[in-house]
């Protein structure tokens, strides 16, 4: 509008959420003026992103290597992954036991598995083998009886229609799609597909949204379709319209533009992956407009002397939305029990077993769980989740292996600089508050230049301070005693996309490179050779024997030279403690050795 120097009266903006004939015609009837609040919100986002990227990225080039980048959302996402990696590395497992009893019920063919609950006073956590053994011995001598049977109903609520975030999460879980792939396919479905007899039409609504709101005409169309295809009892009556905080609600949820275009009807017009994504969206939306599922439940408490075991079972009474959409939670339940047991039933013990377990560390982030975390923290927007993840993987800050995201050595170095020099930029709360402020600009409550004015001086000061501190850091290639077998020079340690490697200082005349094996001063517990820091093909770090492949020793955690005083095995670093690598041994002590400055 500015470039064409148009008069204000000549400028109109049309907005539509789906590319269909009706939606486009309706938007032309409701053309509106340009909303300068939204323009200002976009401008402030762009200016802030450039300030952070343009001012900080050159510092990373000077400090680590060229080609790196920092970003307002990207650097926080990296920080979140690094923090999780630290949690996992310092996690020390706790032992616990479960006890299961197989119980005979008179009149029933099969035994029923009952889980140990506690005693007459309440729940008991079984912490070790001795405690478990003592309980098992007492249970074996005890008489069994049914203490109580409770029958009831459980209602499983319908899922909400997809937002960008939930679509990315479900497509990752159910279809194994990366976030970028999900967005690419959704864009194709939104822009339009050639449907036989209908021409090219957009078959889903706009794909970047954080709202679960559904347009009234879509609710009406869904009610009619579900009534005809499944029966009136399947039509949902209550729709959850409660929205989370921090949503923009400019677009409705992601749904099919026409519910009567079922996946089966248009399968031949779509590629395999387009079909799978469309089917997921269609089923989820249809389910969101249906009745809840109803389960019949039974909860049985069995007394074994002073101890108590419990059995829970449920079976579907009315499938409701489950007739269309099932998620991973729908596991097969114990169904035989619902009517087959009462307080008068005679029960006896067939077998009882204890099993040792260890608590697990938090899981590594996947693309889906990172999107969920970013959304919950209010960082980024529906349009930024996929590009943010793509960037940190492309920069080799993060490696993706078997769906999991791992921090690389390079990612760790960048995160450490960001935390030290720019703590506010990588602060989760600061970034979330900035998102809220930017939304307020879009609502006309805050002036966009005020946001920039308040942000820039602090950034400028931090950059100048970092430049001064980093001035003295001369990045010189560390010379090693490894001789280049092509030209005889001493090889030097270089930084590549995947971390350190050995390069010839005679480059470009000599192109020789070798993998860099960094010794950690600990000998291999299997063969006595040195343990070195290694990397998988994707860049994830681990510790292995330099004598590989003859010796297959490897550990994800850093081994230490001290042997375990309890079992004689090797020990590893776990945050500020060292622990026996064999978790069944369970020996732990505080770390006393002084850490070197890195």
Foldseek 3Di string as FASTA:
>chain_A
DVVVVDDQVPDWAFDFFFFDPVRVVVRVVVTHGDQVLQVLLVVLQVVQFCLQFVLCQVLCCQQANPPDTDGLQLLLLLVVLVVQVLLQQQDFKFKWKWKWFFKDWPPDDGTAIWTFAWFPVGGDTGRDDVSVVVVQVLLQPFFKAWPAKDKDKDWAAADFAAALLVLQLCCCVPVVDHSVRLVVLLVDLRVFFQFPPPGTGRFKTHHFFQASDDDPVVLVQLQVVCCVPPNNQFFDDDADRDHDPPGLPPHHGIATPHLVCALVRRVVRDDPVSSVSNNVNSLSNSRNRTGIWMKIKMKIWMDGDRTIIIFIWIDTPGCRSVVRDDDPVPDHTDDVPRPPDGSPIRMDTPDMDMDMDIDHGDDADFLSVSSVVCVVLQADGSVCSNVSVVSCLVLLQWFADPRGIHGFPSVVVVSVLCCVLPVLSNDSNNRNVLSVVSSCSSVVNDRSVVSVVVPPVVSVVSSVVSCVVCVPVRDDFAFDQDAQPPPGHTWTWGQDSLGTWTARPPPPVDGDTGGDWAFPPAADPPPRATWTWDADPRNQIWIDGPPPPVDGDIGSFAWDRDADPQPRATWGDNNQKIFHPPSVSVDIDGHDDDDDDD
